[in-house]
N, C-alpha and C. Protein backbone atom coordinates (compact mmCIF):
# COMPACT_ATOMS: atom_id res chain seq x y z
N MET A 1 15.85 29.19 28.88
CA MET A 1 16.68 28.07 29.33
C MET A 1 17.72 28.56 30.33
N ILE A 2 17.92 27.77 31.40
CA ILE A 2 18.90 28.07 32.42
C ILE A 2 20.10 27.15 32.25
N ASP A 3 21.30 27.71 32.26
CA ASP A 3 22.53 26.93 32.35
C ASP A 3 22.92 26.85 33.81
N LEU A 4 23.02 25.63 34.33
CA LEU A 4 23.38 25.42 35.74
C LEU A 4 24.76 24.79 35.80
N TYR A 5 25.68 25.50 36.45
CA TYR A 5 27.02 24.99 36.70
C TYR A 5 27.05 24.46 38.13
N THR A 6 27.36 23.16 38.28
CA THR A 6 27.06 22.53 39.56
C THR A 6 28.00 21.38 39.87
N TRP A 7 27.94 20.95 41.12
CA TRP A 7 28.64 19.77 41.60
C TRP A 7 27.83 19.20 42.76
N THR A 8 28.31 18.11 43.36
CA THR A 8 27.53 17.40 44.38
C THR A 8 27.75 17.99 45.78
N THR A 9 27.54 19.28 45.93
CA THR A 9 27.65 19.94 47.23
C THR A 9 26.27 20.43 47.66
N PRO A 10 26.06 20.62 48.96
CA PRO A 10 24.75 21.11 49.40
C PRO A 10 24.34 22.43 48.76
N ASN A 11 25.27 23.36 48.63
CA ASN A 11 24.92 24.65 48.04
C ASN A 11 24.51 24.51 46.59
N ALA A 12 25.13 23.60 45.87
CA ALA A 12 24.77 23.40 44.47
C ALA A 12 23.48 22.60 44.35
N GLN A 13 23.30 21.61 45.22
CA GLN A 13 22.10 20.78 45.15
C GLN A 13 20.82 21.58 45.38
N LYS A 14 20.91 22.61 46.20
CA LYS A 14 19.70 23.39 46.46
C LYS A 14 19.18 24.06 45.18
N ILE A 15 20.08 24.37 44.24
CA ILE A 15 19.64 25.03 43.01
C ILE A 15 18.99 24.03 42.06
N SER A 16 19.53 22.83 41.95
CA SER A 16 18.87 21.84 41.09
C SER A 16 17.53 21.43 41.68
N VAL A 17 17.43 21.37 43.01
CA VAL A 17 16.13 21.10 43.64
C VAL A 17 15.14 22.22 43.29
N MET A 18 15.60 23.46 43.41
CA MET A 18 14.73 24.61 43.10
C MET A 18 14.26 24.55 41.65
N LEU A 19 15.16 24.30 40.74
CA LEU A 19 14.78 24.25 39.32
C LEU A 19 13.78 23.14 39.05
N GLU A 20 13.94 22.02 39.72
CA GLU A 20 12.95 20.94 39.57
C GLU A 20 11.61 21.33 40.17
N GLU A 21 11.63 22.00 41.31
CA GLU A 21 10.38 22.40 41.97
C GLU A 21 9.58 23.39 41.11
N ILE A 22 10.27 24.34 40.48
CA ILE A 22 9.55 25.37 39.72
C ILE A 22 9.41 24.99 38.25
N ALA A 23 9.98 23.84 37.88
CA ALA A 23 9.82 23.28 36.53
C ALA A 23 10.31 24.21 35.43
N LEU A 24 11.46 24.86 35.68
CA LEU A 24 12.11 25.63 34.64
C LEU A 24 13.11 24.73 33.92
N PRO A 25 13.13 24.75 32.59
CA PRO A 25 14.10 23.91 31.87
C PRO A 25 15.53 24.39 32.12
N TYR A 26 16.44 23.45 32.27
CA TYR A 26 17.82 23.83 32.52
C TYR A 26 18.78 22.79 31.94
N THR A 27 19.98 23.26 31.64
CA THR A 27 21.05 22.41 31.15
C THR A 27 22.12 22.32 32.21
N VAL A 28 22.57 21.11 32.51
CA VAL A 28 23.56 20.89 33.56
C VAL A 28 24.96 20.93 32.98
N HIS A 29 25.82 21.73 33.62
CA HIS A 29 27.24 21.76 33.29
C HIS A 29 27.99 21.29 34.54
N VAL A 30 28.61 20.12 34.45
CA VAL A 30 29.29 19.53 35.61
C VAL A 30 30.64 20.20 35.82
N VAL A 31 30.85 20.71 37.02
CA VAL A 31 32.12 21.32 37.41
C VAL A 31 32.72 20.43 38.49
N SER A 32 33.63 19.55 38.13
CA SER A 32 34.20 18.60 39.08
C SER A 32 35.20 19.31 39.99
N LEU A 33 34.82 19.49 41.24
CA LEU A 33 35.71 20.16 42.18
C LEU A 33 36.95 19.32 42.48
N PRO A 34 36.82 18.00 42.66
CA PRO A 34 38.04 17.21 42.89
C PRO A 34 39.04 17.28 41.74
N ASN A 35 38.54 17.43 40.52
CA ASN A 35 39.42 17.53 39.36
C ASN A 35 39.94 18.95 39.11
N GLY A 36 39.46 19.91 39.90
CA GLY A 36 39.93 21.28 39.75
C GLY A 36 39.27 22.06 38.62
N ASP A 37 38.12 21.57 38.13
CA ASP A 37 37.45 22.27 37.02
C ASP A 37 37.13 23.71 37.36
N GLN A 38 36.91 23.99 38.66
CA GLN A 38 36.50 25.34 39.06
C GLN A 38 37.60 26.37 38.83
N HIS A 39 38.84 25.90 38.64
CA HIS A 39 39.95 26.82 38.42
C HIS A 39 40.32 26.95 36.95
N GLY A 40 39.61 26.26 36.08
CA GLY A 40 39.89 26.34 34.66
C GLY A 40 39.40 27.65 34.07
N PRO A 41 40.02 28.11 33.00
CA PRO A 41 39.65 29.41 32.41
C PRO A 41 38.21 29.47 31.93
N ALA A 42 37.67 28.35 31.45
CA ALA A 42 36.30 28.37 30.95
C ALA A 42 35.31 28.67 32.08
N PHE A 43 35.52 28.03 33.25
CA PHE A 43 34.60 28.27 34.35
C PHE A 43 34.85 29.62 35.01
N LEU A 44 36.11 30.02 35.10
CA LEU A 44 36.41 31.32 35.70
C LEU A 44 35.81 32.47 34.90
N ALA A 45 35.61 32.25 33.61
CA ALA A 45 34.95 33.28 32.81
C ALA A 45 33.50 33.44 33.21
N VAL A 46 32.91 32.39 33.78
CA VAL A 46 31.53 32.44 34.26
C VAL A 46 31.48 32.86 35.72
N SER A 47 32.38 32.31 36.51
CA SER A 47 32.39 32.54 37.96
C SER A 47 33.78 32.95 38.41
N PRO A 48 34.06 34.23 38.52
CA PRO A 48 35.39 34.67 38.97
C PRO A 48 35.74 34.18 40.37
N GLN A 49 34.74 33.78 41.17
CA GLN A 49 35.00 33.27 42.51
C GLN A 49 35.47 31.83 42.50
N ALA A 50 35.36 31.16 41.34
CA ALA A 50 35.72 29.74 41.22
C ALA A 50 34.88 28.87 42.15
N LYS A 51 33.60 29.22 42.28
CA LYS A 51 32.70 28.46 43.14
C LYS A 51 31.41 28.11 42.40
N VAL A 52 30.88 26.93 42.74
CA VAL A 52 29.53 26.56 42.30
C VAL A 52 28.59 26.78 43.48
N PRO A 53 27.31 26.99 43.21
CA PRO A 53 26.64 26.98 41.91
C PRO A 53 26.68 28.35 41.23
N VAL A 54 26.45 28.29 39.93
CA VAL A 54 26.25 29.48 39.11
C VAL A 54 25.15 29.16 38.12
N ILE A 55 24.30 30.14 37.84
CA ILE A 55 23.36 29.98 36.74
C ILE A 55 23.57 31.09 35.72
N VAL A 56 23.30 30.75 34.48
CA VAL A 56 23.20 31.75 33.42
C VAL A 56 21.80 31.61 32.84
N ASP A 57 20.99 32.63 33.04
CA ASP A 57 19.64 32.65 32.49
C ASP A 57 19.71 33.25 31.09
N ARG A 58 19.56 32.39 30.10
CA ARG A 58 19.65 32.87 28.71
C ARG A 58 18.49 33.81 28.38
N ASP A 59 17.41 33.70 29.13
CA ASP A 59 16.24 34.57 28.94
C ASP A 59 16.10 35.49 30.15
N GLY A 60 17.13 36.26 30.43
CA GLY A 60 17.12 37.16 31.57
C GLY A 60 16.25 38.37 31.34
N PRO A 61 16.32 39.34 32.23
CA PRO A 61 15.50 40.55 32.09
C PRO A 61 15.67 41.19 30.71
N ASP A 62 14.56 41.54 30.09
CA ASP A 62 14.55 42.16 28.76
C ASP A 62 15.18 41.25 27.70
N GLY A 63 15.20 39.94 27.99
CA GLY A 63 15.74 39.00 27.01
C GLY A 63 17.25 38.94 26.97
N THR A 64 17.92 39.61 27.89
CA THR A 64 19.37 39.64 27.93
C THR A 64 19.89 38.55 28.87
N PRO A 65 20.86 37.74 28.45
CA PRO A 65 21.41 36.72 29.35
C PRO A 65 21.93 37.34 30.64
N LEU A 66 21.70 36.63 31.74
CA LEU A 66 22.10 37.12 33.06
C LEU A 66 22.79 36.01 33.83
N THR A 67 23.95 36.31 34.38
CA THR A 67 24.67 35.37 35.24
C THR A 67 24.41 35.73 36.69
N VAL A 68 24.07 34.73 37.50
CA VAL A 68 23.82 34.96 38.93
C VAL A 68 24.70 34.01 39.73
N LEU A 69 25.49 34.57 40.65
CA LEU A 69 26.32 33.81 41.57
C LEU A 69 25.68 33.79 42.95
N GLU A 70 26.21 32.96 43.82
CA GLU A 70 25.78 32.83 45.22
C GLU A 70 24.41 32.15 45.30
N SER A 71 24.37 31.04 46.02
CA SER A 71 23.18 30.20 46.03
C SER A 71 21.95 30.92 46.57
N GLY A 72 22.10 31.75 47.60
CA GLY A 72 20.94 32.47 48.12
C GLY A 72 20.38 33.44 47.12
N ALA A 73 21.26 34.17 46.44
CA ALA A 73 20.82 35.11 45.41
C ALA A 73 20.15 34.37 44.25
N ILE A 74 20.69 33.21 43.90
CA ILE A 74 20.09 32.42 42.82
C ILE A 74 18.68 31.97 43.20
N LEU A 75 18.50 31.52 44.42
CA LEU A 75 17.17 31.07 44.86
C LEU A 75 16.16 32.21 44.80
N ILE A 76 16.55 33.38 45.28
CA ILE A 76 15.64 34.53 45.23
C ILE A 76 15.32 34.89 43.79
N TYR A 77 16.34 34.90 42.94
CA TYR A 77 16.13 35.24 41.53
C TYR A 77 15.16 34.26 40.87
N LEU A 78 15.37 32.96 41.09
CA LEU A 78 14.51 31.97 40.47
C LEU A 78 13.09 32.02 41.03
N ALA A 79 12.97 32.28 42.33
CA ALA A 79 11.64 32.40 42.93
C ALA A 79 10.89 33.58 42.33
N GLU A 80 11.55 34.69 42.16
CA GLU A 80 10.89 35.88 41.61
C GLU A 80 10.63 35.72 40.11
N LYS A 81 11.52 35.05 39.42
CA LYS A 81 11.31 34.83 37.99
C LYS A 81 10.10 33.94 37.75
N SER A 82 9.94 32.91 38.59
CA SER A 82 8.87 31.94 38.40
C SER A 82 7.60 32.29 39.15
N GLY A 83 7.70 33.18 40.14
CA GLY A 83 6.55 33.47 40.98
C GLY A 83 6.20 32.33 41.92
N GLN A 84 7.20 31.52 42.29
CA GLN A 84 6.95 30.34 43.13
C GLN A 84 7.93 30.30 44.31
N LEU A 85 7.45 29.73 45.40
CA LEU A 85 8.24 29.39 46.59
C LEU A 85 8.80 30.60 47.33
N LEU A 86 8.25 31.79 47.07
CA LEU A 86 8.58 32.98 47.85
C LEU A 86 7.43 33.96 47.72
N ALA A 87 6.81 34.27 48.85
CA ALA A 87 5.69 35.20 48.83
C ALA A 87 6.15 36.56 48.31
N HIS A 88 5.23 37.29 47.69
CA HIS A 88 5.57 38.59 47.11
C HIS A 88 5.86 39.65 48.18
N ASP A 89 5.19 39.54 49.32
CA ASP A 89 5.39 40.53 50.36
C ASP A 89 4.87 39.97 51.68
N GLY A 90 4.94 40.76 52.72
CA GLY A 90 4.34 40.41 54.00
C GLY A 90 5.18 39.48 54.85
N ALA A 91 4.53 38.97 55.91
CA ALA A 91 5.21 38.18 56.93
C ALA A 91 5.79 36.88 56.37
N GLU A 92 5.07 36.26 55.45
CA GLU A 92 5.54 34.99 54.90
C GLU A 92 6.84 35.18 54.12
N ARG A 93 6.93 36.27 53.35
CA ARG A 93 8.17 36.55 52.62
C ARG A 93 9.31 36.84 53.61
N ALA A 94 9.03 37.65 54.62
CA ALA A 94 10.05 37.98 55.61
C ALA A 94 10.57 36.72 56.30
N ALA A 95 9.65 35.80 56.64
CA ALA A 95 10.06 34.56 57.30
C ALA A 95 10.93 33.71 56.39
N ALA A 96 10.55 33.60 55.12
CA ALA A 96 11.35 32.80 54.18
C ALA A 96 12.75 33.37 54.02
N LEU A 97 12.85 34.68 53.90
CA LEU A 97 14.16 35.31 53.75
C LEU A 97 14.98 35.18 55.04
N GLN A 98 14.29 35.26 56.18
CA GLN A 98 14.99 35.10 57.46
C GLN A 98 15.65 33.74 57.56
N TRP A 99 14.90 32.66 57.24
CA TRP A 99 15.46 31.32 57.35
C TRP A 99 16.45 31.03 56.23
N LEU A 100 16.28 31.66 55.08
CA LEU A 100 17.30 31.57 54.04
C LEU A 100 18.63 32.12 54.56
N MET A 101 18.59 33.29 55.19
CA MET A 101 19.80 33.89 55.72
C MET A 101 20.38 33.07 56.88
N PHE A 102 19.52 32.44 57.66
CA PHE A 102 20.00 31.59 58.75
C PHE A 102 20.80 30.42 58.21
N GLN A 103 20.31 29.84 57.11
CA GLN A 103 21.09 28.75 56.51
C GLN A 103 22.43 29.26 56.01
N MET A 104 22.42 30.39 55.35
CA MET A 104 23.65 30.89 54.73
C MET A 104 24.67 31.37 55.76
N SER A 105 24.20 31.95 56.85
CA SER A 105 25.13 32.51 57.84
C SER A 105 25.40 31.56 58.99
N GLY A 106 24.45 30.66 59.27
CA GLY A 106 24.58 29.80 60.43
C GLY A 106 24.78 28.34 60.11
N ILE A 107 23.86 27.76 59.35
CA ILE A 107 23.92 26.31 59.12
C ILE A 107 25.12 25.93 58.26
N GLY A 108 25.23 26.53 57.08
CA GLY A 108 26.30 26.14 56.17
C GLY A 108 27.69 26.32 56.75
N PRO A 109 28.05 27.53 57.20
CA PRO A 109 29.39 27.72 57.76
C PRO A 109 29.67 26.85 58.98
N THR A 110 28.68 26.68 59.85
CA THR A 110 28.90 25.88 61.06
C THR A 110 29.15 24.42 60.72
N PHE A 111 28.31 23.85 59.85
CA PHE A 111 28.48 22.45 59.48
C PHE A 111 29.80 22.25 58.74
N HIS A 112 30.13 23.18 57.85
CA HIS A 112 31.38 23.08 57.10
C HIS A 112 32.59 23.10 58.03
N ASP A 113 32.59 24.02 58.98
CA ASP A 113 33.74 24.15 59.86
C ASP A 113 33.86 22.96 60.82
N PHE A 114 32.74 22.45 61.28
CA PHE A 114 32.78 21.26 62.13
C PHE A 114 33.38 20.09 61.36
N TYR A 115 32.93 19.89 60.14
CA TYR A 115 33.46 18.79 59.33
C TYR A 115 34.94 18.98 59.05
N TYR A 116 35.34 20.21 58.77
CA TYR A 116 36.75 20.47 58.47
C TYR A 116 37.64 20.12 59.67
N PHE A 117 37.31 20.67 60.83
CA PHE A 117 38.17 20.45 61.99
C PHE A 117 38.08 19.03 62.52
N ALA A 118 36.93 18.37 62.35
CA ALA A 118 36.77 17.01 62.86
C ALA A 118 37.35 15.96 61.92
N ALA A 119 37.38 16.25 60.61
CA ALA A 119 37.74 15.19 59.66
C ALA A 119 38.87 15.54 58.69
N LEU A 120 39.06 16.82 58.38
CA LEU A 120 39.98 17.17 57.30
C LEU A 120 41.24 17.91 57.74
N ALA A 121 41.18 18.62 58.82
CA ALA A 121 42.30 19.47 59.23
C ALA A 121 43.57 18.64 59.44
N PRO A 122 44.71 19.10 58.93
CA PRO A 122 45.94 18.33 59.09
C PRO A 122 46.40 18.22 60.54
N GLU A 123 45.98 19.16 61.37
CA GLU A 123 46.30 19.12 62.80
C GLU A 123 45.01 19.06 63.60
N ARG A 124 44.93 18.11 64.52
CA ARG A 124 43.72 17.98 65.33
C ARG A 124 43.72 19.05 66.43
N LEU A 125 42.68 19.88 66.43
CA LEU A 125 42.55 20.97 67.39
C LEU A 125 41.30 20.72 68.25
N PRO A 126 41.46 20.11 69.41
CA PRO A 126 40.29 19.74 70.22
C PRO A 126 39.37 20.90 70.55
N LEU A 127 39.92 22.08 70.83
CA LEU A 127 39.06 23.21 71.17
C LEU A 127 38.18 23.62 69.99
N ALA A 128 38.74 23.61 68.78
CA ALA A 128 37.96 23.96 67.59
C ALA A 128 36.89 22.91 67.34
N ILE A 129 37.25 21.64 67.48
CA ILE A 129 36.28 20.56 67.28
C ILE A 129 35.14 20.68 68.28
N GLU A 130 35.47 20.93 69.54
CA GLU A 130 34.45 21.06 70.58
C GLU A 130 33.54 22.25 70.31
N TYR A 131 34.14 23.37 69.91
CA TYR A 131 33.35 24.57 69.67
C TYR A 131 32.36 24.36 68.54
N PHE A 132 32.83 23.84 67.41
CA PHE A 132 31.93 23.69 66.27
C PHE A 132 30.95 22.53 66.47
N ALA A 133 31.31 21.54 67.28
CA ALA A 133 30.35 20.51 67.64
C ALA A 133 29.19 21.11 68.44
N GLN A 134 29.53 21.98 69.39
CA GLN A 134 28.50 22.64 70.19
C GLN A 134 27.63 23.56 69.33
N GLU A 135 28.26 24.28 68.39
CA GLU A 135 27.50 25.15 67.51
C GLU A 135 26.59 24.35 66.59
N THR A 136 27.07 23.22 66.12
CA THR A 136 26.22 22.36 65.28
C THR A 136 25.01 21.88 66.06
N THR A 137 25.22 21.46 67.30
CA THR A 137 24.12 21.03 68.15
C THR A 137 23.14 22.17 68.39
N ARG A 138 23.67 23.37 68.62
CA ARG A 138 22.81 24.52 68.86
C ARG A 138 21.95 24.84 67.63
N VAL A 139 22.58 24.87 66.46
CA VAL A 139 21.85 25.19 65.22
C VAL A 139 20.77 24.16 64.95
N LEU A 140 21.10 22.90 65.12
CA LEU A 140 20.09 21.85 64.91
C LEU A 140 18.94 22.00 65.90
N GLY A 141 19.26 22.38 67.12
CA GLY A 141 18.23 22.59 68.13
C GLY A 141 17.31 23.74 67.79
N VAL A 142 17.87 24.81 67.23
CA VAL A 142 17.05 25.94 66.80
C VAL A 142 16.04 25.48 65.74
N LEU A 143 16.50 24.72 64.77
CA LEU A 143 15.60 24.23 63.72
C LEU A 143 14.52 23.32 64.30
N ASP A 144 14.93 22.40 65.18
CA ASP A 144 13.98 21.44 65.74
C ASP A 144 12.90 22.15 66.56
N ALA A 145 13.31 23.12 67.36
CA ALA A 145 12.34 23.86 68.18
C ALA A 145 11.36 24.63 67.31
N HIS A 146 11.86 25.24 66.24
CA HIS A 146 10.97 25.99 65.35
C HIS A 146 10.01 25.05 64.64
N LEU A 147 10.51 23.91 64.18
CA LEU A 147 9.66 22.97 63.44
C LEU A 147 8.69 22.22 64.35
N ALA A 148 8.86 22.34 65.65
CA ALA A 148 7.85 21.80 66.56
C ALA A 148 6.54 22.58 66.46
N ARG A 149 6.62 23.83 65.95
CA ARG A 149 5.45 24.69 65.87
C ARG A 149 5.02 24.98 64.44
N HIS A 150 5.82 24.53 63.46
CA HIS A 150 5.53 24.85 62.07
C HIS A 150 5.79 23.64 61.19
N GLU A 151 4.95 23.45 60.19
CA GLU A 151 5.17 22.34 59.27
C GLU A 151 6.43 22.55 58.44
N PHE A 152 6.61 23.76 57.95
CA PHE A 152 7.80 24.13 57.19
C PHE A 152 8.42 25.37 57.84
N LEU A 153 9.60 25.75 57.39
CA LEU A 153 10.33 26.80 58.09
C LEU A 153 9.64 28.15 58.04
N ALA A 154 9.01 28.47 56.92
CA ALA A 154 8.37 29.79 56.77
C ALA A 154 6.86 29.68 56.67
N GLY A 155 6.29 28.64 57.24
CA GLY A 155 4.85 28.42 57.12
C GLY A 155 4.58 27.49 55.96
N ALA A 156 4.46 28.06 54.75
CA ALA A 156 4.31 27.25 53.55
C ALA A 156 5.70 26.82 53.06
N TYR A 157 5.73 25.73 52.30
CA TYR A 157 6.98 25.27 51.69
C TYR A 157 7.56 26.38 50.82
N SER A 158 8.86 26.65 50.97
CA SER A 158 9.45 27.82 50.32
C SER A 158 10.94 27.60 50.08
N ILE A 159 11.59 28.65 49.56
CA ILE A 159 13.03 28.59 49.37
C ILE A 159 13.77 28.40 50.69
N ALA A 160 13.15 28.71 51.81
CA ALA A 160 13.79 28.48 53.10
C ALA A 160 14.02 26.98 53.31
N ASP A 161 13.06 26.16 52.92
CA ASP A 161 13.20 24.72 53.04
C ASP A 161 14.16 24.17 51.98
N VAL A 162 14.06 24.71 50.77
CA VAL A 162 14.94 24.27 49.69
C VAL A 162 16.40 24.50 50.05
N THR A 163 16.70 25.65 50.64
CA THR A 163 18.10 25.96 50.95
C THR A 163 18.64 25.15 52.11
N THR A 164 17.77 24.75 53.03
CA THR A 164 18.21 24.07 54.24
C THR A 164 18.30 22.56 54.06
N PHE A 165 17.41 21.99 53.25
CA PHE A 165 17.32 20.54 53.14
C PHE A 165 18.64 19.86 52.77
N PRO A 166 19.37 20.30 51.74
CA PRO A 166 20.61 19.58 51.40
C PRO A 166 21.65 19.59 52.51
N TRP A 167 21.68 20.66 53.30
CA TRP A 167 22.64 20.72 54.40
C TRP A 167 22.28 19.76 55.52
N ILE A 168 20.99 19.61 55.80
CA ILE A 168 20.57 18.65 56.82
C ILE A 168 20.82 17.23 56.32
N THR A 169 20.58 17.00 55.05
CA THR A 169 20.89 15.69 54.46
C THR A 169 22.37 15.37 54.62
N ALA A 170 23.23 16.33 54.32
CA ALA A 170 24.67 16.12 54.44
C ALA A 170 25.06 15.83 55.89
N ALA A 171 24.45 16.55 56.82
CA ALA A 171 24.77 16.32 58.24
C ALA A 171 24.32 14.94 58.69
N MET A 172 23.15 14.53 58.24
CA MET A 172 22.62 13.22 58.63
C MET A 172 23.48 12.09 58.06
N THR A 173 23.83 12.21 56.81
CA THR A 173 24.63 11.15 56.17
C THR A 173 26.09 11.23 56.59
N GLY A 174 26.52 12.39 57.08
CA GLY A 174 27.91 12.56 57.49
C GLY A 174 28.18 12.17 58.93
N GLY A 175 27.17 11.70 59.63
CA GLY A 175 27.40 11.20 60.97
C GLY A 175 27.38 12.23 62.07
N VAL A 176 26.81 13.41 61.82
CA VAL A 176 26.67 14.39 62.90
C VAL A 176 25.75 13.80 63.97
N PRO A 177 26.19 13.74 65.22
CA PRO A 177 25.40 13.06 66.26
C PRO A 177 24.18 13.86 66.69
N GLY A 178 23.22 13.15 67.31
CA GLY A 178 22.10 13.81 67.96
C GLY A 178 20.80 13.84 67.21
N PHE A 179 20.75 13.27 66.01
CA PHE A 179 19.53 13.37 65.21
C PHE A 179 18.36 12.57 65.79
N GLU A 180 18.65 11.52 66.52
CA GLU A 180 17.56 10.71 67.06
C GLU A 180 16.66 11.50 67.98
N GLN A 181 17.20 12.51 68.64
CA GLN A 181 16.40 13.32 69.55
C GLN A 181 15.65 14.45 68.84
N LEU A 182 16.00 14.71 67.61
CA LEU A 182 15.42 15.86 66.89
C LEU A 182 14.22 15.40 66.08
N THR A 183 13.15 15.05 66.76
CA THR A 183 12.02 14.41 66.10
C THR A 183 11.31 15.34 65.11
N HIS A 184 11.24 16.61 65.40
CA HIS A 184 10.55 17.54 64.51
C HIS A 184 11.38 17.81 63.26
N LEU A 185 12.69 17.92 63.42
CA LEU A 185 13.56 18.09 62.26
C LEU A 185 13.55 16.84 61.39
N LYS A 186 13.52 15.68 62.00
CA LYS A 186 13.46 14.43 61.23
C LYS A 186 12.14 14.32 60.47
N ARG A 187 11.05 14.73 61.08
CA ARG A 187 9.75 14.72 60.40
C ARG A 187 9.78 15.63 59.18
N TRP A 188 10.31 16.84 59.37
CA TRP A 188 10.43 17.81 58.27
C TRP A 188 11.30 17.26 57.15
N HIS A 189 12.44 16.69 57.51
CA HIS A 189 13.36 16.16 56.51
C HIS A 189 12.73 15.04 55.71
N ALA A 190 12.03 14.13 56.38
CA ALA A 190 11.40 13.01 55.68
C ALA A 190 10.33 13.49 54.72
N ALA A 191 9.57 14.50 55.12
CA ALA A 191 8.51 15.02 54.24
C ALA A 191 9.10 15.63 52.98
N ILE A 192 10.18 16.38 53.12
CA ILE A 192 10.78 17.01 51.95
C ILE A 192 11.50 15.99 51.09
N ALA A 193 12.16 15.02 51.72
CA ALA A 193 12.89 13.99 50.97
C ALA A 193 11.97 13.18 50.07
N ALA A 194 10.69 13.12 50.41
CA ALA A 194 9.73 12.34 49.62
C ALA A 194 9.17 13.10 48.43
N ARG A 195 9.44 14.38 48.31
CA ARG A 195 8.92 15.16 47.20
C ARG A 195 9.62 14.75 45.91
N PRO A 196 8.86 14.45 44.84
CA PRO A 196 9.49 14.01 43.59
C PRO A 196 10.51 14.99 43.04
N ALA A 197 10.22 16.29 43.12
CA ALA A 197 11.17 17.28 42.60
C ALA A 197 12.46 17.28 43.40
N VAL A 198 12.36 17.06 44.70
CA VAL A 198 13.55 17.00 45.54
C VAL A 198 14.39 15.77 45.20
N ILE A 199 13.73 14.66 45.00
CA ILE A 199 14.46 13.44 44.62
C ILE A 199 15.22 13.66 43.31
N ARG A 200 14.56 14.26 42.35
CA ARG A 200 15.24 14.52 41.06
C ARG A 200 16.37 15.52 41.22
N GLY A 201 16.12 16.59 41.96
CA GLY A 201 17.13 17.62 42.11
C GLY A 201 18.36 17.16 42.87
N MET A 202 18.17 16.31 43.88
CA MET A 202 19.30 15.84 44.67
C MET A 202 20.17 14.87 43.87
N ALA A 203 19.65 14.34 42.78
CA ALA A 203 20.41 13.41 41.93
C ALA A 203 21.24 14.14 40.88
N VAL A 204 21.22 15.47 40.88
CA VAL A 204 21.96 16.28 39.91
C VAL A 204 23.22 16.83 40.60
N PRO A 205 24.38 16.72 39.94
CA PRO A 205 24.61 16.07 38.66
C PRO A 205 24.84 14.58 38.84
N ARG A 206 24.65 13.84 37.79
CA ARG A 206 24.94 12.40 37.82
C ARG A 206 26.43 12.23 37.48
N VAL A 207 27.17 11.73 38.45
CA VAL A 207 28.63 11.58 38.24
C VAL A 207 29.06 10.17 38.60
């Protein structure tokens, strides 16, 4: 059994999607970020970083419970534990890990910073907004160009798609401009959004 500590953020949603895709049983522990649950002593005992997602695998290696932080590390751990959505070796594995890292280093931080400076920052900084708007457009263009030649990011459906999908969903619903021109990215997003496991995973947690 997996204990999943989560909230309605793209990084957390990717883990519930993964768990649904690989059909591992899990228990949801809601960590309300607006209520400050992440700073409470109970959660800090699980995650010293005060961040979701976190999993605790009660049936970890050698039967010993294992806590895993960081969404990318969790995806790799779950893929290797289940033998699903990540090739064991070769070019397909390298491609999946490459696009996983692209999401973690490029997509997530860029989208987050654009949203912060455009919508949340107490002081409006036009240069920062312009820079991160351009970076968001660039990142989306990289994905669209790649998906013009591939059905999924790493060839077969993999953790690369699982990690990227919630962030693209957030960008689309958050009003990031330019999606109408990104026909290949829209095709990819629609195909993944229709997967039953993705629908279930994106609905976690119910709040």
